[in-house]
Protein backbone atom coordinates (compact mmCIF):
# COMPACT_ATOMS: atom_id res chain seq x y z
CA MET A 1 -7.90 -27.78 -19.57
CA SER A 2 -7.75 -29.62 -22.77
CA GLU A 3 -6.04 -32.86 -23.28
CA PRO A 4 -2.85 -33.18 -25.65
CA ASN A 5 -3.40 -35.09 -28.93
CA GLU A 6 -0.53 -37.12 -28.50
CA LEU A 7 -1.75 -39.66 -31.39
CA LEU A 8 -1.39 -36.72 -33.79
CA ARG A 9 1.77 -35.66 -32.73
CA ALA A 10 3.20 -38.78 -32.83
CA ALA A 11 1.67 -39.33 -36.35
CA ARG A 12 3.65 -36.25 -37.43
CA ILE A 13 6.70 -37.23 -36.13
CA ARG A 14 6.73 -40.56 -37.76
CA VAL A 15 6.86 -38.81 -41.12
CA GLU A 16 10.28 -37.56 -42.23
CA SER A 17 10.83 -33.94 -42.95
CA PRO A 18 10.77 -33.00 -46.71
CA THR A 19 13.46 -30.63 -46.25
CA SER A 20 15.61 -31.91 -43.59
CA PRO A 21 16.03 -35.65 -44.09
CA GLY A 22 16.40 -37.64 -40.89
CA GLU A 23 14.35 -35.34 -38.87
CA ALA A 24 10.54 -35.14 -38.11
CA MET A 25 8.11 -33.16 -40.10
CA THR A 26 7.52 -29.78 -38.37
CA ARG A 27 4.28 -28.41 -37.77
CA GLN A 28 4.82 -25.90 -40.32
CA GLU A 29 5.63 -28.42 -42.87
CA LEU A 30 2.66 -30.36 -41.90
CA ALA A 31 0.46 -27.30 -42.42
CA ASP A 32 2.19 -26.53 -45.82
CA ALA A 33 1.22 -30.03 -46.85
CA VAL A 34 -2.42 -29.94 -45.68
CA ASN A 35 -3.14 -26.74 -47.35
CA ALA A 36 -1.58 -27.96 -50.52
CA GLN A 37 -3.88 -31.44 -50.17
CA VAL A 38 -6.90 -29.34 -49.58
CA TYR A 39 -6.43 -27.32 -52.50
CA ARG A 40 -5.65 -30.25 -54.52
CA ALA A 41 -8.36 -32.60 -53.32
CA SER A 42 -11.12 -29.59 -54.28
CA GLY A 43 -9.44 -29.39 -57.80
CA GLY A 44 -8.59 -25.78 -56.66
CA ALA A 45 -11.90 -24.80 -55.20
CA ARG A 46 -10.87 -24.49 -51.71
CA VAL A 47 -7.85 -22.38 -50.44
CA THR A 48 -6.87 -22.72 -46.65
CA THR A 49 -4.35 -21.08 -44.76
CA VAL A 50 -3.18 -23.40 -41.95
CA ASP A 51 0.15 -22.48 -40.21
CA ALA A 52 2.00 -23.82 -37.62
CA ASN A 53 -0.05 -22.29 -34.85
CA HIS A 54 -3.14 -24.02 -35.88
CA VAL A 55 -1.43 -27.32 -36.10
CA GLY A 56 -0.34 -26.61 -32.58
CA LYS A 57 -3.92 -26.27 -31.56
CA TRP A 58 -4.73 -29.36 -32.99
CA GLU A 59 -1.90 -30.98 -31.16
CA ARG A 60 -2.72 -29.36 -27.94
CA GLY A 61 -6.34 -30.71 -28.07
CA LYS A 62 -7.90 -27.19 -28.44
CA ILE A 63 -9.57 -28.19 -31.71
CA ARG A 64 -10.78 -31.94 -31.54
CA TRP A 65 -12.92 -32.06 -34.40
CA PRO A 66 -11.31 -30.22 -37.41
CA ALA A 67 -13.69 -29.75 -40.56
CA ALA A 68 -14.09 -32.72 -42.72
CA TYR A 69 -11.49 -31.43 -45.58
CA TYR A 70 -8.78 -30.71 -43.00
CA ARG A 71 -9.41 -34.15 -41.33
CA ALA A 72 -9.05 -35.79 -44.83
CA ALA A 73 -6.11 -33.67 -45.81
CA ILE A 74 -4.35 -34.76 -42.60
CA ARG A 75 -5.17 -38.42 -43.08
CA ALA A 76 -3.57 -38.40 -46.64
CA VAL A 77 -0.49 -36.60 -45.87
CA LEU A 78 0.29 -38.47 -42.40
CA ASP A 79 -0.73 -41.81 -44.54
CA VAL A 80 -3.31 -42.93 -42.04
CA THR A 81 -6.82 -44.59 -42.62
CA THR A 82 -9.15 -43.10 -39.80
CA ASP A 83 -9.74 -39.94 -37.63
CA ALA A 84 -9.29 -42.26 -34.86
CA GLU A 85 -5.69 -42.72 -35.56
CA LEU A 86 -4.96 -39.24 -35.29
CA GLY A 87 -7.02 -38.67 -32.04
CA PHE A 88 -9.78 -36.94 -33.67
CA ALA A 89 -13.24 -37.43 -32.08
CA ARG A 90 -16.62 -35.82 -32.66
CA PRO A 91 -17.76 -33.86 -29.31
CA VAL A 92 -20.04 -36.16 -27.37
CA ARG A 93 -23.72 -34.76 -27.04
CA GLY A 94 -26.70 -36.00 -25.28
CA ASN A 95 -26.56 -39.21 -23.43
CA PRO A 96 -23.05 -39.45 -21.67
CA ASP A 97 -23.32 -43.46 -21.40
CA ASN A 98 -23.05 -43.33 -25.02
CA VAL A 99 -19.29 -43.80 -25.71
CA ASP A 100 -17.73 -44.56 -28.65
CA ARG A 101 -16.22 -48.40 -28.36
CA LYS A 102 -12.91 -47.46 -30.00
CA THR A 103 -12.26 -44.48 -27.85
CA PHE A 104 -13.13 -46.63 -24.77
CA LEU A 105 -10.57 -49.44 -25.84
CA LYS A 106 -7.94 -46.71 -26.50
CA THR A 107 -8.24 -45.33 -23.18
CA ALA A 108 -8.74 -48.45 -21.16
CA LEU A 109 -5.82 -50.31 -23.02
CA GLY A 110 -3.57 -47.54 -23.99
CA THR A 111 -3.20 -45.32 -27.06
CA GLY A 112 -1.83 -48.26 -29.19
CA ALA A 113 -5.35 -50.16 -28.78
CA GLY A 114 -6.96 -47.57 -30.57
CA VAL A 115 -4.80 -47.59 -33.48
CA LEU A 116 -4.95 -51.50 -33.64
CA VAL A 117 -8.74 -51.08 -33.73
CA SER A 118 -8.66 -48.30 -36.33
CA HIS A 119 -6.43 -50.57 -38.52
CA HIS A 120 -8.69 -53.37 -38.43
CA VAL A 121 -11.93 -51.44 -38.91
CA PRO A 122 -11.15 -48.63 -41.62
CA GLY A 123 -13.66 -46.01 -42.23
CA PRO A 124 -15.95 -45.76 -45.05
CA VAL A 125 -15.26 -43.29 -47.88
CA GLN A 126 -18.36 -41.07 -47.34
CA ASP A 127 -18.51 -39.12 -50.71
CA THR A 128 -16.39 -38.70 -54.09
CA ARG A 129 -14.69 -35.62 -52.45
CA GLU A 130 -13.27 -37.89 -49.77
CA LEU A 131 -12.59 -40.69 -52.42
CA ALA A 132 -10.69 -38.18 -54.33
CA ALA A 133 -8.59 -37.24 -51.47
CA ALA A 134 -7.93 -40.96 -50.89
CA VAL A 135 -6.80 -41.58 -53.90
CA SER A 136 -4.48 -38.58 -54.41
CA GLY A 137 -3.05 -39.27 -50.93
CA PRO A 138 -0.49 -41.85 -52.09
CA THR A 139 0.65 -39.63 -55.03
CA ALA A 140 1.68 -36.89 -52.60
CA HIS A 141 3.63 -39.45 -50.49
CA TYR A 142 5.42 -40.80 -53.93
CA ARG A 143 6.26 -37.41 -54.89
CA ARG A 144 7.97 -36.74 -51.57
CA MET A 145 9.78 -40.13 -52.00
CA GLU A 146 11.00 -39.54 -55.33
CA SER A 147 14.12 -37.45 -54.58
CA ALA A 148 15.69 -39.99 -52.40
CA VAL A 149 14.28 -43.71 -53.68
CA SER A 150 15.05 -45.70 -56.70
CA SER A 151 12.87 -44.94 -59.59
CA GLU A 152 13.14 -48.53 -60.41
CA GLN A 153 11.77 -49.29 -57.06
CA LEU A 154 9.12 -46.89 -56.93
CA ALA A 155 7.88 -47.01 -60.59
CA PRO A 156 5.90 -50.21 -59.84
CA ALA A 157 4.12 -48.67 -57.08
CA VAL A 158 3.15 -45.25 -59.13
CA ASP A 159 2.16 -47.58 -62.25
CA ALA A 160 0.06 -49.51 -60.12
CA HIS A 161 -1.63 -46.60 -58.52
CA LEU A 162 -1.94 -44.82 -62.18
CA ALA A 163 -3.80 -47.78 -63.31
CA LEU A 164 -6.03 -47.86 -60.16
CA THR A 165 -6.75 -44.27 -60.28
CA THR A 166 -7.71 -44.37 -64.06
CA GLY A 167 -10.21 -47.20 -63.34
CA ILE A 168 -11.53 -45.21 -60.59
CA VAL A 169 -11.94 -42.04 -62.43
CA GLN A 170 -13.59 -43.60 -65.39
CA THR A 171 -16.08 -45.44 -63.32
CA THR A 172 -16.76 -43.34 -60.52
CA LEU A 173 -14.94 -39.75 -60.54
CA ARG A 174 -15.43 -38.45 -63.78
CA THR A 175 -15.12 -35.22 -62.49
CA SER A 176 -13.12 -31.87 -62.45
CA THR A 177 -11.56 -33.36 -59.36
CA GLY A 178 -11.14 -36.87 -60.59
CA PHE A 179 -9.12 -35.75 -63.78
CA SER A 180 -7.05 -33.45 -61.76
CA VAL A 181 -5.78 -36.32 -59.55
CA LEU A 182 -5.23 -38.45 -62.74
CA ALA A 183 -3.32 -35.68 -64.25
CA GLU A 184 -1.19 -35.39 -61.15
CA VAL A 185 -0.44 -39.20 -60.94
CA SER A 186 0.26 -39.39 -64.70
CA GLY A 187 2.47 -36.51 -64.52
CA LEU A 188 4.58 -38.31 -61.59
CA ALA A 189 4.85 -41.55 -63.87
CA ALA A 190 6.11 -39.71 -66.50
CA TRP A 191 8.83 -38.06 -64.70
CA LEU A 192 10.01 -41.54 -63.14
CA ALA A 193 9.70 -42.90 -66.61
CA ALA A 194 12.12 -40.14 -67.78
CA ASP A 195 14.68 -41.02 -64.77
CA ARG A 196 14.46 -44.54 -65.82
CA GLY A 197 15.60 -43.42 -69.41
CA ASP A 198 12.52 -44.59 -70.93
CA ASN A 199 11.65 -41.46 -72.64
CA ALA A 200 8.97 -42.74 -75.14
CA THR A 201 6.90 -43.65 -71.78
CA ALA A 202 7.46 -40.47 -70.28
CA ARG A 203 6.52 -38.55 -73.47
CA ARG A 204 3.12 -40.46 -73.52
CA ARG A 205 2.45 -40.11 -69.89
CA TYR A 206 3.16 -36.22 -69.93
CA SER A 207 0.94 -36.08 -73.05
CA GLU A 208 -1.56 -37.75 -71.13
CA ALA A 209 -1.30 -35.66 -67.86
CA VAL A 210 -1.83 -32.57 -70.17
CA SER A 211 -4.93 -34.24 -71.74
CA HIS A 212 -6.67 -35.07 -68.18
CA ALA A 213 -5.56 -31.55 -66.94
CA GLU A 214 -7.64 -30.02 -69.76
CA ARG A 215 -10.42 -32.37 -69.01
CA ALA A 216 -10.54 -31.08 -65.31
CA ASP A 217 -10.83 -27.45 -66.92
CA HIS A 218 -8.02 -26.61 -64.56
CA PRO A 219 -5.84 -23.88 -66.43
CA LEU A 220 -3.16 -23.77 -63.79
CA LEU A 221 -2.74 -27.56 -63.78
CA ALA A 222 -2.96 -27.66 -67.59
CA SER A 223 -0.19 -25.08 -67.51
CA TYR A 224 1.69 -27.14 -64.94
CA MET A 225 1.70 -30.37 -67.04
CA THR A 226 2.30 -28.52 -70.46
CA ALA A 227 5.54 -26.95 -68.97
CA SER A 228 6.75 -30.20 -67.48
CA LEU A 229 6.19 -31.69 -70.98
CA GLY A 230 8.31 -28.70 -72.27
CA HIS A 231 10.91 -29.08 -69.60
CA PHE A 232 11.32 -32.78 -70.20
CA ALA A 233 11.94 -31.98 -74.30
CA VAL A 234 14.56 -29.55 -73.07
CA GLU A 235 16.40 -32.41 -70.96
CA ALA A 236 15.70 -34.70 -73.63
CA GLY A 237 18.02 -32.75 -75.97
CA HIS A 238 15.12 -30.78 -78.02
CA PRO A 239 15.13 -27.17 -76.55
CA ARG A 240 13.42 -25.73 -79.42
CA GLN A 241 10.35 -27.95 -79.03
CA GLY A 242 10.85 -27.28 -75.43
CA VAL A 243 10.51 -23.47 -75.59
CA THR A 244 7.33 -23.98 -77.81
CA LEU A 245 5.62 -26.03 -75.10
CA LEU A 246 6.77 -23.72 -72.41
CA ASP A 247 5.53 -20.43 -74.39
CA ARG A 248 2.25 -22.61 -74.78
CA ALA A 249 2.11 -23.17 -71.14
CA ALA A 250 2.48 -19.44 -70.56
CA THR A 251 -0.58 -18.91 -72.61
CA GLN A 252 -2.73 -21.07 -70.71
CA LEU A 253 -2.31 -19.37 -67.52
CA ASP A 254 -5.20 -16.99 -66.30
CA LYS A 255 -5.08 -13.46 -64.46
CA SER A 256 -5.74 -15.58 -61.04
CA ALA A 257 -2.21 -17.68 -61.83
CA PRO A 258 -0.14 -17.40 -58.38
CA ASP A 259 3.35 -15.93 -58.59
CA THR A 260 4.71 -19.35 -58.08
CA ALA A 261 3.41 -20.69 -61.49
CA ARG A 262 5.05 -17.58 -63.09
CA ALA A 263 8.23 -17.73 -61.31
CA TRP A 264 8.49 -21.61 -62.04
CA LEU A 265 7.70 -21.32 -65.60
CA ALA A 266 10.20 -18.26 -65.77
CA SER A 267 12.88 -20.30 -64.45
CA LEU A 268 12.13 -23.30 -66.71
CA HIS A 269 12.30 -20.98 -69.58
CA ALA A 270 15.57 -19.79 -68.62
CA VAL A 271 17.01 -23.37 -68.87
CA ALA A 272 15.82 -23.75 -72.17
CA HIS A 273 17.12 -20.42 -73.58
CA ALA A 274 20.46 -21.60 -71.92
CA ALA A 275 20.30 -24.77 -73.83
CA LEU A 276 20.00 -22.69 -77.08
CA GLY A 277 22.79 -20.67 -75.97
CA ASP A 278 20.59 -17.31 -75.85
CA GLN A 279 21.96 -15.58 -73.04
CA THR A 280 19.77 -12.41 -73.20
CA ALA A 281 16.83 -14.46 -72.96
CA THR A 282 18.10 -16.44 -70.12
CA LEU A 283 19.08 -13.60 -68.07
CA ALA A 284 15.81 -11.87 -68.65
CA ALA A 285 14.01 -14.87 -67.58
CA LEU A 286 16.15 -15.48 -64.59
CA ARG A 287 15.58 -11.60 -63.46
CA ALA A 288 11.68 -12.23 -63.89
CA ALA A 289 11.81 -15.42 -61.73
CA GLU A 290 13.59 -13.79 -59.07
CA LYS A 291 11.38 -10.74 -59.08
CA LEU A 292 8.39 -13.10 -58.81
CA THR A 293 9.63 -15.20 -56.15
CA SER A 294 10.56 -12.34 -53.96
CA ARG A 295 7.08 -11.37 -53.68
CA GLN A 296 5.65 -14.33 -53.15
CA ARG A 297 3.53 -15.10 -49.76
CA GLY A 298 1.45 -17.50 -47.92
CA GLU A 299 1.41 -21.67 -48.42
CA PRO A 300 2.29 -23.20 -51.75
CA HIS A 301 -0.35 -23.55 -54.61
CA TRP A 302 -1.21 -26.95 -55.71
CA PRO A 303 0.28 -28.62 -58.16
CA TRP A 304 3.25 -27.19 -56.49
CA VAL A 305 3.53 -29.37 -52.71
CA PHE A 306 6.03 -27.14 -51.27
CA THR A 307 6.76 -23.31 -51.55
CA PHE A 308 8.71 -22.28 -54.59
CA ASP A 309 11.03 -20.23 -52.85
CA ARG A 310 14.54 -18.46 -53.72
CA ALA A 311 16.32 -21.60 -52.94
CA LYS A 312 14.70 -23.32 -55.77
CA VAL A 313 15.02 -20.66 -58.19
CA ALA A 314 18.43 -20.89 -57.64
CA ARG A 315 18.64 -24.52 -58.39
CA TYR A 316 17.24 -23.45 -61.97
CA GLN A 317 19.75 -20.69 -61.97
CA ALA A 318 22.75 -22.95 -61.37
CA GLY A 319 21.33 -25.03 -64.25
CA ALA A 320 20.98 -22.30 -66.81
CA LEU A 321 24.22 -20.30 -65.93
CA GLY A 322 26.08 -23.71 -66.13
CA ARG A 323 25.08 -24.34 -69.47
CA LEU A 324 26.06 -20.70 -70.60
CA GLY A 325 29.48 -21.35 -69.04
CA ASP A 326 29.22 -18.75 -66.25
CA LEU A 327 31.35 -20.68 -63.40
CA ARG A 328 31.36 -17.98 -60.83
CA ALA A 329 27.65 -17.32 -61.02
CA ALA A 330 26.53 -20.91 -61.53
CA THR A 331 28.58 -21.85 -58.26
CA ALA A 332 26.99 -18.98 -56.49
CA ALA A 333 23.68 -20.36 -57.53
CA PHE A 334 24.48 -23.79 -56.44
CA ASP A 335 25.61 -22.80 -53.01
CA ALA A 336 22.05 -20.65 -52.68
CA ALA A 337 20.14 -23.88 -53.85
CA LEU A 338 21.81 -26.30 -51.31
CA PRO A 339 19.00 -26.02 -48.81
CA THR A 340 16.60 -27.67 -51.50
CA LEU A 341 19.17 -30.15 -52.38
CA ALA A 342 18.85 -32.47 -49.75
CA GLY A 343 18.15 -35.69 -51.59
CA PRO A 344 20.95 -37.37 -53.40
CA LYS A 345 19.32 -37.35 -56.97
CA PRO A 346 18.85 -33.58 -57.02
CA ARG A 347 22.03 -32.82 -55.67
CA ALA A 348 23.64 -35.04 -58.44
CA LEU A 349 21.95 -33.21 -61.37
CA ALA A 350 22.89 -29.98 -59.70
CA GLN A 351 26.58 -31.40 -59.58
CA LEU A 352 26.47 -32.18 -63.26
CA ASP A 353 25.30 -28.68 -64.19
CA GLN A 354 28.37 -27.21 -61.97
CA ALA A 355 30.55 -29.74 -63.54
CA GLN A 356 29.66 -28.46 -66.94
CA ALA A 357 30.42 -24.98 -65.93
CA MET A 358 33.64 -26.05 -64.34
CA ALA A 359 34.76 -27.73 -67.95
CA ALA A 360 33.71 -24.75 -69.78
CA ALA A 361 36.01 -22.69 -67.63
CA GLY A 362 39.15 -24.97 -67.97
CA LEU A 363 38.72 -26.90 -64.68
CA VAL A 364 38.50 -30.17 -66.36
CA ALA A 365 39.88 -32.32 -63.33
CA GLU A 366 37.30 -30.67 -61.07
CA GLY A 367 34.30 -31.24 -63.46
CA CYS A 368 35.10 -34.53 -63.90
CA GLN A 369 35.60 -35.47 -60.07
CA LEU A 370 32.02 -33.81 -59.67
CA THR A 371 30.56 -36.01 -62.64
CA ALA A 372 32.12 -39.10 -61.32
CA GLU A 373 30.30 -38.40 -57.67
CA ALA A 374 27.09 -37.72 -59.59
CA LEU A 375 27.67 -40.98 -61.66
CA GLN A 376 27.74 -43.10 -58.54
CA VAL A 377 24.22 -41.57 -57.36
CA GLY A 378 23.03 -42.51 -60.65
CA ARG A 379 24.20 -46.04 -60.54
CA ASP A 380 23.13 -46.37 -57.13
CA PHE A 381 19.78 -45.23 -57.68
CA GLY A 382 19.05 -46.71 -61.01
CA SER A 383 18.92 -43.19 -62.51
CA GLU A 384 19.48 -43.36 -66.42
CA ARG A 385 18.89 -39.55 -66.31
CA ILE A 386 21.88 -39.04 -64.21
CA ILE A 387 24.00 -41.54 -66.18
CA ALA A 388 23.13 -40.29 -69.47
CA ARG A 389 24.02 -36.77 -68.38
CA ALA A 390 27.28 -38.03 -67.01
CA ARG A 391 28.08 -39.67 -70.39
CA GLU A 392 27.25 -36.63 -72.22
CA PHE A 393 29.52 -34.59 -70.01
CA ARG A 394 32.29 -36.79 -70.97
CA ALA A 395 31.47 -36.87 -74.49
CA ALA A 396 32.13 -33.26 -75.05
CA LEU A 397 35.52 -33.59 -73.57
CA PRO A 398 38.44 -34.50 -76.01
CA ALA A 399 39.12 -38.15 -76.30
CA ARG A 400 42.41 -38.18 -74.70
CA THR A 401 41.77 -36.37 -71.59
CA THR A 402 43.87 -37.75 -68.65
CA ALA A 403 41.65 -35.78 -66.06
CA ALA A 404 38.82 -37.96 -67.19
CA ARG A 405 40.61 -41.21 -66.49
CA ASP A 406 38.72 -42.13 -63.10
CA LEU A 407 35.51 -41.03 -64.76
CA ASP A 408 36.25 -42.99 -67.93
CA ASP A 409 36.93 -46.21 -65.54
CA ALA A 410 33.37 -45.46 -63.93
CA LEU A 411 31.72 -45.09 -67.22
CA ALA A 412 33.19 -48.27 -68.27
CA ALA A 413 32.12 -50.17 -64.99
CA LEU A 414 28.53 -49.67 -65.95
CA TYR A 415 29.08 -52.29 -68.61
CA GLU A 416 30.52 -54.77 -66.29
CA THR A 417 28.59 -57.88 -65.28
CA GLU A 418 27.40 -57.29 -61.69
CA THR A 419 27.57 -60.50 -59.37
CA PRO A 420 25.10 -61.29 -56.49
């Protein structure tokens, strides 16, 4: 009978679920993350289909030594340094007296000893592919943290990792995989800069991400980064330029592009057309996104870390329909999107979309209340993106609006000197 791999299970449950804050990562969520990490680390060359049952075999000890690319991906996802920390050990062959010292210590002194030893004796990087996986690992963790952590806190770590990655790629990893990794961390740095209200840096970082993705000769990644730049342009108040960039992103996709890419791109197009007031184009794009999402199967395709499902499409629907002033449809889409809005910042941004639709339908007081709640999140998490959207909402209302009294007070409080 195989011995359960308690170290692997313990490492998994230490990681918070990306979809259910406060709960442990599930086996299926680990499987999804491993598939995405393998795809990312290989620059799209390797597609795997690990599922919860496969993870169960690892945890039950039926498989004690997964393939190297699986082990590298699991280490990155669970944020550990060595295979020993995950309870993985190469099958012993030949002389049975040849016992690995760390395995002996773990058995004799308890599982904690194995972890202690492994932290003091980190395993060496064997080749450039493992180096790429090691460098990309932190980016995946930062991306998971972004929705619930202040950008002011996270940005310094990401910027430092970007500088480190840039140096490694320039000196050691001037490969397709290396530039893919660099494009991803540049895109994250751009997103955080936009959230802090530093649009100049965000635009520069997004442009760098597009350039790195093109050097990686990775059409899907290039399209993803170009579309991200386009969506940034829309959110920055330049929807016409955004549509141009989104159209360019669509041309970068080849026939092998997954439905995820096309569904996401259609969703971004819907938001951009709604910002331009083009109802016909908006609804057509939303229909395309729904159709593409309904036929998706299998694991997420990197650079999407998690599956782009119907709930995530609904998030963009809520934004687009809110911009068009369709309160009933926007509210229904917002309700459908709730499963993906566990993080405070995504929920606040969705509330602002809903508030806009409410105000357009004459429910000014309700819209102001939602905006005030979102504004508090923006203040708590240092999100200038959210704060700016709240200001825009108020600016669109008449100057003397009694329903906006509390919101006006909250906006004025932004300029008050805070005492320690």
